[in-house]
Amino acid sequence: MQEIMQFAGNHTILSLAWVVLLVLVIVTTVKGMFSKVKTISRGEATRLINKEDAVVVDVRNRDEYRKGHISGAMNVAAADIKKGSVGELEKHKAQPIIVVCANGTSAAEPAAQLSALDFAQVYVLKDGVSGWSGENLPLVRGK
Protein backbone atom coordinates (compact mmCIF):
# COMPACT_ATOMS: atom_id res chain seq x y z
CA MET A 1 0.00 0.00 0.00
CA GLN A 2 2.87 2.31 0.83
CA GLU A 3 4.33 1.73 -2.65
CA ILE A 4 1.04 2.73 -4.29
CA MET A 5 0.92 5.96 -2.32
CA GLN A 6 4.54 6.69 -3.18
CA PHE A 7 3.84 6.03 -6.88
CA ALA A 8 0.75 8.29 -6.76
CA GLY A 9 2.80 11.03 -5.10
CA ASN A 10 5.54 10.81 -7.70
CA HIS A 11 3.18 10.56 -10.69
CA THR A 12 0.27 12.81 -9.81
CA ILE A 13 -1.01 13.48 -13.33
CA LEU A 14 -0.83 9.82 -14.32
CA SER A 15 -2.64 8.80 -11.13
CA LEU A 16 -5.37 11.42 -11.63
CA ALA A 17 -5.86 10.31 -15.24
CA TRP A 18 -6.23 6.71 -14.07
CA VAL A 19 -8.82 7.68 -11.44
CA VAL A 20 -10.80 9.76 -13.98
CA LEU A 21 -10.82 6.87 -16.46
CA LEU A 22 -11.93 4.44 -13.75
CA VAL A 23 -14.80 6.72 -12.74
CA LEU A 24 -15.86 7.14 -16.40
CA VAL A 25 -15.89 3.37 -16.95
CA ILE A 26 -17.98 2.82 -13.81
CA VAL A 27 -20.45 5.60 -14.70
CA THR A 28 -20.84 4.35 -18.28
CA THR A 29 -21.39 0.78 -17.12
CA VAL A 30 -23.97 1.73 -14.49
CA LYS A 31 -25.74 4.07 -16.91
CA GLY A 32 -25.96 1.30 -19.51
CA MET A 33 -27.35 -1.17 -16.98
CA PHE A 34 -30.20 1.09 -15.95
CA SER A 35 -31.00 2.60 -19.34
CA LYS A 36 -34.31 1.79 -21.00
CA VAL A 37 -32.53 1.78 -24.37
CA LYS A 38 -30.48 -1.35 -25.02
CA THR A 39 -27.75 -1.89 -27.60
CA ILE A 40 -28.35 -5.01 -29.68
CA SER A 41 -26.29 -7.07 -32.11
CA ARG A 42 -27.09 -7.52 -35.77
CA GLY A 43 -28.36 -11.05 -35.10
CA GLU A 44 -30.78 -9.80 -32.45
CA ALA A 45 -31.88 -6.99 -34.77
CA THR A 46 -32.59 -9.50 -37.53
CA ARG A 47 -34.62 -11.60 -35.11
CA LEU A 48 -36.64 -8.58 -33.97
CA ILE A 49 -37.31 -7.52 -37.57
CA ASN A 50 -38.34 -10.99 -38.72
CA LYS A 51 -40.18 -12.34 -35.67
CA GLU A 52 -41.52 -9.27 -33.83
CA ASP A 53 -42.11 -6.90 -36.75
CA ALA A 54 -39.63 -4.32 -35.45
CA VAL A 55 -39.48 -0.90 -37.10
CA VAL A 56 -36.02 0.31 -38.14
CA VAL A 57 -35.48 4.06 -37.79
CA ASP A 58 -32.48 5.42 -39.67
CA VAL A 59 -31.35 8.78 -38.25
CA ARG A 60 -28.68 9.52 -40.87
CA ASN A 61 -29.14 12.37 -43.33
CA ARG A 62 -31.18 11.83 -46.50
CA ASP A 63 -28.15 11.40 -48.83
CA GLU A 64 -26.53 8.72 -46.65
CA TYR A 65 -29.90 6.98 -46.35
CA ARG A 66 -30.27 6.87 -50.15
CA LYS A 67 -26.79 5.39 -50.59
CA GLY A 68 -27.87 2.33 -48.62
CA HIS A 69 -30.23 1.51 -45.76
CA ILE A 70 -31.73 -1.53 -44.07
CA SER A 71 -34.78 -2.83 -45.92
CA GLY A 72 -37.98 -1.24 -44.64
CA ALA A 73 -36.14 1.43 -42.62
CA MET A 74 -37.81 4.79 -42.08
CA ASN A 75 -35.60 7.86 -42.42
CA VAL A 76 -36.37 10.22 -39.54
CA ALA A 77 -33.93 13.03 -38.77
CA ALA A 78 -32.46 13.10 -35.28
CA ALA A 79 -33.45 16.78 -35.07
CA ASP A 80 -37.10 15.86 -35.71
CA ILE A 81 -37.01 13.26 -32.94
CA LYS A 82 -35.45 15.84 -30.62
CA LYS A 83 -38.34 18.23 -31.38
CA GLY A 84 -40.81 15.42 -30.70
CA SER A 85 -42.25 15.42 -34.22
CA VAL A 86 -42.06 11.74 -35.09
CA GLY A 87 -45.04 11.78 -37.49
CA GLU A 88 -45.60 8.40 -39.11
CA LEU A 89 -43.55 6.66 -36.42
CA GLU A 90 -46.21 7.51 -33.82
CA LYS A 91 -48.42 4.60 -34.88
CA HIS A 92 -45.63 2.11 -34.11
CA LYS A 93 -45.33 2.85 -30.36
CA ALA A 94 -46.15 -0.73 -29.32
CA GLN A 95 -43.66 -2.34 -31.73
CA PRO A 96 -39.93 -2.68 -31.11
CA ILE A 97 -38.00 0.28 -32.54
CA ILE A 98 -34.40 -0.18 -33.72
CA VAL A 99 -32.54 3.11 -34.14
CA VAL A 100 -29.57 3.03 -36.52
CA CYS A 101 -26.96 5.57 -37.54
CA ALA A 102 -23.78 5.37 -39.58
CA ASN A 103 -21.55 3.65 -37.01
CA GLY A 104 -23.58 3.22 -33.81
CA THR A 105 -22.35 6.27 -31.95
CA SER A 106 -24.96 8.93 -32.70
CA ALA A 107 -28.10 6.78 -32.37
CA ALA A 108 -28.15 6.66 -28.56
CA GLU A 109 -29.52 10.17 -28.04
CA PRO A 110 -32.43 9.88 -30.52
CA ALA A 111 -33.20 6.44 -29.05
CA ALA A 112 -33.35 7.88 -25.54
CA GLN A 113 -35.66 10.63 -26.79
CA LEU A 114 -37.96 8.05 -28.40
CA SER A 115 -38.03 6.17 -25.13
CA ALA A 116 -38.98 9.41 -23.37
CA LEU A 117 -41.83 9.82 -25.90
CA ASP A 118 -43.35 6.57 -24.51
CA PHE A 119 -42.15 4.16 -27.17
CA ALA A 120 -42.28 0.77 -25.44
CA GLN A 121 -39.16 -1.01 -26.72
CA VAL A 122 -36.31 1.04 -28.13
CA TYR A 123 -32.98 -0.44 -29.20
CA VAL A 124 -29.77 0.85 -30.80
CA LEU A 125 -28.01 -1.27 -33.43
CA LYS A 126 -24.42 -1.90 -32.41
CA ASP A 127 -21.97 -0.52 -35.03
CA GLY A 128 -24.88 0.93 -37.06
CA VAL A 129 -25.17 0.53 -40.81
CA SER A 130 -21.41 0.12 -41.23
CA GLY A 131 -21.48 -2.99 -39.04
CA TRP A 132 -24.58 -4.23 -40.87
CA SER A 133 -22.90 -3.93 -44.27
CA GLY A 134 -19.62 -5.23 -42.82
CA GLU A 135 -21.32 -8.57 -42.21
CA ASN A 136 -22.63 -8.55 -45.80
CA LEU A 137 -26.23 -8.13 -44.70
CA PRO A 138 -28.46 -6.60 -47.40
CA LEU A 139 -28.87 -2.87 -47.91
CA VAL A 140 -31.45 -1.20 -50.12
CA ARG A 141 -30.35 1.72 -52.28
CA GLY A 142 -32.36 4.74 -53.41
CA LYS A 143 -35.70 6.18 -52.39
C-alpha atoms as a PDB file:
ATOM      1  CA  MET A   1       0.000   0.000   0.000  1.00  0.00           C
ATOM      2  CA  GLN A   2       2.872   2.312   0.829  1.00  0.00           C
ATOM      3  CA  GLU A   3       4.332   1.728  -2.650  1.00  0.00           C
ATOM      4  CA  ILE A   4       1.038   2.729  -4.293  1.00  0.00           C
ATOM      5  CA  MET A   5       0.916   5.958  -2.315  1.00  0.00           C
ATOM      6  CA  GLN A   6       4.545   6.692  -3.177  1.00  0.00           C
ATOM      7  CA  PHE A   7       3.841   6.034  -6.879  1.00  0.00           C
ATOM      8  CA  ALA A   8       0.751   8.293  -6.762  1.00  0.00           C
ATOM      9  CA  GLY A   9       2.799  11.028  -5.095  1.00  0.00           C
ATOM     10  CA  ASN A  10       5.544  10.812  -7.701  1.00  0.00           C
ATOM     11  CA  HIS A  11       3.180  10.563 -10.691  1.00  0.00           C
ATOM     12  CA  THR A  12       0.266  12.808  -9.805  1.00  0.00           C
ATOM     13  CA  ILE A  13      -1.011  13.481 -13.327  1.00  0.00           C
ATOM     14  CA  LEU A  14      -0.829   9.819 -14.323  1.00  0.00           C
ATOM     15  CA  SER A  15      -2.645   8.802 -11.128  1.00  0.00           C
ATOM     16  CA  LEU A  16      -5.370  11.418 -11.629  1.00  0.00           C
ATOM     17  CA  ALA A  17      -5.861  10.313 -15.240  1.00  0.00           C
ATOM     18  CA  TRP A  18      -6.226   6.710 -14.072  1.00  0.00           C
ATOM     19  CA  VAL A  19      -8.818   7.683 -11.444  1.00  0.00           C
ATOM     20  CA  VAL A  20     -10.796   9.755 -13.976  1.00  0.00           C
ATOM     21  CA  LEU A  21     -10.824   6.873 -16.461  1.00  0.00           C
ATOM     22  CA  LEU A  22     -11.926   4.441 -13.749  1.00  0.00           C
ATOM     23  CA  VAL A  23     -14.798   6.720 -12.742  1.00  0.00           C
ATOM     24  CA  LEU A  24     -15.865   7.141 -16.397  1.00  0.00           C
ATOM     25  CA  VAL A  25     -15.895   3.373 -16.948  1.00  0.00           C
ATOM     26  CA  ILE A  26     -17.978   2.825 -13.808  1.00  0.00           C
ATOM     27  CA  VAL A  27     -20.446   5.605 -14.699  1.00  0.00           C
ATOM     28  CA  THR A  28     -20.836   4.346 -18.280  1.00  0.00           C
ATOM     29  CA  THR A  29     -21.386   0.776 -17.116  1.00  0.00           C
ATOM     30  CA  VAL A  30     -23.966   1.725 -14.492  1.00  0.00           C
ATOM     31  CA  LYS A  31     -25.737   4.074 -16.913  1.00  0.00           C
ATOM     32  CA  GLY A  32     -25.958   1.297 -19.511  1.00  0.00           C
ATOM     33  CA  MET A  33     -27.347  -1.175 -16.979  1.00  0.00           C
ATOM     34  CA  PHE A  34     -30.199   1.087 -15.948  1.00  0.00           C
ATOM     35  CA  SER A  35     -31.001   2.604 -19.343  1.00  0.00           C
ATOM     36  CA  LYS A  36     -34.312   1.788 -21.003  1.00  0.00           C
ATOM     37  CA  VAL A  37     -32.530   1.775 -24.368  1.00  0.00           C
ATOM     38  CA  LYS A  38     -30.478  -1.352 -25.020  1.00  0.00           C
ATOM     39  CA  THR A  39     -27.754  -1.895 -27.604  1.00  0.00           C
ATOM     40  CA  ILE A  40     -28.353  -5.006 -29.683  1.00  0.00           C
ATOM     41  CA  SER A  41     -26.290  -7.065 -32.106  1.00  0.00           C
ATOM     42  CA  ARG A  42     -27.090  -7.520 -35.770  1.00  0.00           C
ATOM     43  CA  GLY A  43     -28.358 -11.045 -35.099  1.00  0.00           C
ATOM     44  CA  GLU A  44     -30.779  -9.800 -32.451  1.00  0.00           C
ATOM     45  CA  ALA A  45     -31.883  -6.985 -34.771  1.00  0.00           C
ATOM     46  CA  THR A  46     -32.587  -9.498 -37.530  1.00  0.00           C
ATOM     47  CA  ARG A  47     -34.622 -11.603 -35.107  1.00  0.00           C
ATOM     48  CA  LEU A  48     -36.636  -8.575 -33.973  1.00  0.00           C
ATOM     49  CA  ILE A  49     -37.305  -7.521 -37.572  1.00  0.00           C
ATOM     50  CA  ASN A  50     -38.343 -10.993 -38.721  1.00  0.00           C
ATOM     51  CA  LYS A  51     -40.181 -12.336 -35.668  1.00  0.00           C
ATOM     52  CA  GLU A  52     -41.518  -9.273 -33.828  1.00  0.00           C
ATOM     53  CA  ASP A  53     -42.107  -6.902 -36.755  1.00  0.00           C
ATOM     54  CA  ALA A  54     -39.632  -4.321 -35.450  1.00  0.00           C
ATOM     55  CA  VAL A  55     -39.476  -0.903 -37.096  1.00  0.00           C
ATOM     56  CA  VAL A  56     -36.021   0.307 -38.140  1.00  0.00           C
ATOM     57  CA  VAL A  57     -35.484   4.058 -37.793  1.00  0.00           C
ATOM     58  CA  ASP A  58     -32.475   5.420 -39.673  1.00  0.00           C
ATOM     59  CA  VAL A  59     -31.351   8.777 -38.255  1.00  0.00           C
ATOM     60  CA  ARG A  60     -28.684   9.516 -40.869  1.00  0.00           C
ATOM     61  CA  ASN A  61     -29.140  12.367 -43.331  1.00  0.00           C
ATOM     62  CA  ARG A  62     -31.179  11.828 -46.499  1.00  0.00           C
ATOM     63  CA  ASP A  63     -28.149  11.400 -48.825  1.00  0.00           C
ATOM     64  CA  GLU A  64     -26.534   8.723 -46.654  1.00  0.00           C
ATOM     65  CA  TYR A  65     -29.904   6.978 -46.353  1.00  0.00           C
ATOM     66  CA  ARG A  66     -30.273   6.869 -50.150  1.00  0.00           C
ATOM     67  CA  LYS A  67     -26.791   5.387 -50.591  1.00  0.00           C
ATOM     68  CA  GLY A  68     -27.866   2.331 -48.616  1.00  0.00           C
ATOM     69  CA  HIS A  69     -30.229   1.507 -45.765  1.00  0.00           C
ATOM     70  CA  ILE A  70     -31.729  -1.530 -44.071  1.00  0.00           C
ATOM     71  CA  SER A  71     -34.784  -2.834 -45.922  1.00  0.00           C
ATOM     72  CA  GLY A  72     -37.981  -1.235 -44.639  1.00  0.00           C
ATOM     73  CA  ALA A  73     -36.145   1.426 -42.622  1.00  0.00           C
ATOM     74  CA  MET A  74     -37.807   4.790 -42.082  1.00  0.00           C
ATOM     75  CA  ASN A  75     -35.601   7.865 -42.420  1.00  0.00           C
ATOM     76  CA  VAL A  76     -36.371  10.220 -39.537  1.00  0.00           C
ATOM     77  CA  ALA A  77     -33.933  13.026 -38.767  1.00  0.00           C
ATOM     78  CA  ALA A  78     -32.457  13.099 -35.278  1.00  0.00           C
ATOM     79  CA  ALA A  79     -33.450  16.777 -35.066  1.00  0.00           C
ATOM     80  CA  ASP A  80     -37.099  15.858 -35.705  1.00  0.00           C
ATOM     81  CA  ILE A  81     -37.006  13.264 -32.944  1.00  0.00           C
ATOM     82  CA  LYS A  82     -35.452  15.844 -30.621  1.00  0.00           C
ATOM     83  CA  LYS A  83     -38.339  18.228 -31.376  1.00  0.00           C
ATOM     84  CA  GLY A  84     -40.814  15.421 -30.703  1.00  0.00           C
ATOM     85  CA  SER A  85     -42.254  15.418 -34.217  1.00  0.00           C
ATOM     86  CA  VAL A  86     -42.057  11.737 -35.090  1.00  0.00           C
ATOM     87  CA  GLY A  87     -45.036  11.781 -37.489  1.00  0.00           C
ATOM     88  CA  GLU A  88     -45.604   8.401 -39.113  1.00  0.00           C
ATOM     89  CA  LEU A  89     -43.554   6.665 -36.421  1.00  0.00           C
ATOM     90  CA  GLU A  90     -46.212   7.514 -33.816  1.00  0.00           C
ATOM     91  CA  LYS A  91     -48.425   4.601 -34.876  1.00  0.00           C
ATOM     92  CA  HIS A  92     -45.627   2.108 -34.108  1.00  0.00           C
ATOM     93  CA  LYS A  93     -45.334   2.848 -30.361  1.00  0.00           C
ATOM     94  CA  ALA A  94     -46.154  -0.729 -29.321  1.00  0.00           C
ATOM     95  CA  GLN A  95     -43.664  -2.336 -31.727  1.00  0.00           C
ATOM     96  CA  PRO A  96     -39.928  -2.683 -31.110  1.00  0.00           C
ATOM     97  CA  ILE A  97     -38.000   0.277 -32.540  1.00  0.00           C
ATOM     98  CA  ILE A  98     -34.399  -0.182 -33.720  1.00  0.00           C
ATOM     99  CA  VAL A  99     -32.545   3.113 -34.143  1.00  0.00           C
ATOM    100  CA  VAL A 100     -29.571   3.026 -36.519  1.00  0.00           C
ATOM    101  CA  CYS A 101     -26.958   5.568 -37.538  1.00  0.00           C
ATOM    102  CA  ALA A 102     -23.776   5.375 -39.583  1.00  0.00           C
ATOM    103  CA  ASN A 103     -21.551   3.647 -37.012  1.00  0.00           C
ATOM    104  CA  GLY A 104     -23.579   3.217 -33.815  1.00  0.00           C
ATOM    105  CA  THR A 105     -22.351   6.273 -31.952  1.00  0.00           C
ATOM    106  CA  SER A 106     -24.964   8.931 -32.699  1.00  0.00           C
ATOM    107  CA  ALA A 107     -28.096   6.778 -32.368  1.00  0.00           C
ATOM    108  CA  ALA A 108     -28.148   6.659 -28.559  1.00  0.00           C
ATOM    109  CA  GLU A 109     -29.516  10.168 -28.041  1.00  0.00           C
ATOM    110  CA  PRO A 110     -32.434   9.878 -30.521  1.00  0.00           C
ATOM    111  CA  ALA A 111     -33.199   6.438 -29.053  1.00  0.00           C
ATOM    112  CA  ALA A 112     -33.349   7.881 -25.540  1.00  0.00           C
ATOM    113  CA  GLN A 113     -35.660  10.628 -26.786  1.00  0.00           C
ATOM    114  CA  LEU A 114     -37.955   8.052 -28.404  1.00  0.00           C
ATOM    115  CA  SER A 115     -38.032   6.173 -25.130  1.00  0.00           C
ATOM    116  CA  ALA A 116     -38.979   9.413 -23.365  1.00  0.00           C
ATOM    117  CA  LEU A 117     -41.830   9.818 -25.895  1.00  0.00           C
ATOM    118  CA  ASP A 118     -43.353   6.570 -24.512  1.00  0.00           C
ATOM    119  CA  PHE A 119     -42.149   4.157 -27.169  1.00  0.00           C
ATOM    120  CA  ALA A 120     -42.281   0.773 -25.436  1.00  0.00           C
ATOM    121  CA  GLN A 121     -39.162  -1.010 -26.716  1.00  0.00           C
ATOM    122  CA  VAL A 122     -36.305   1.044 -28.132  1.00  0.00           C
ATOM    123  CA  TYR A 123     -32.978  -0.437 -29.196  1.00  0.00           C
ATOM    124  CA  VAL A 124     -29.774   0.846 -30.798  1.00  0.00           C
ATOM    125  CA  LEU A 125     -28.015  -1.265 -33.433  1.00  0.00           C
ATOM    126  CA  LYS A 126     -24.421  -1.903 -32.408  1.00  0.00           C
ATOM    127  CA  ASP A 127     -21.966  -0.519 -35.028  1.00  0.00           C
ATOM    128  CA  GLY A 128     -24.875   0.934 -37.061  1.00  0.00           C
ATOM    129  CA  VAL A 129     -25.165   0.535 -40.815  1.00  0.00           C
ATOM    130  CA  SER A 130     -21.408   0.119 -41.229  1.00  0.00           C
ATOM    131  CA  GLY A 131     -21.484  -2.993 -39.041  1.00  0.00           C
ATOM    132  CA  TRP A 132     -24.576  -4.233 -40.869  1.00  0.00           C
ATOM    133  CA  SER A 133     -22.903  -3.933 -44.275  1.00  0.00           C
ATOM    134  CA  GLY A 134     -19.621  -5.228 -42.819  1.00  0.00           C
ATOM    135  CA  GLU A 135     -21.318  -8.575 -42.215  1.00  0.00           C
ATOM    136  CA  ASN A 136     -22.629  -8.552 -45.798  1.00  0.00           C
ATOM    137  CA  LEU A 137     -26.233  -8.127 -44.695  1.00  0.00           C
ATOM    138  CA  PRO A 138     -28.461  -6.602 -47.399  1.00  0.00           C
ATOM    139  CA  LEU A 139     -28.865  -2.867 -47.910  1.00  0.00           C
ATOM    140  CA  VAL A 140     -31.447  -1.202 -50.116  1.00  0.00           C
ATOM    141  CA  ARG A 141     -30.350   1.724 -52.282  1.00  0.00           C
ATOM    142  CA  GLY A 142     -32.356   4.739 -53.411  1.00  0.00           C
ATOM    143  CA  LYS A 143     -35.704   6.178 -52.392  1.00  0.00           C
END
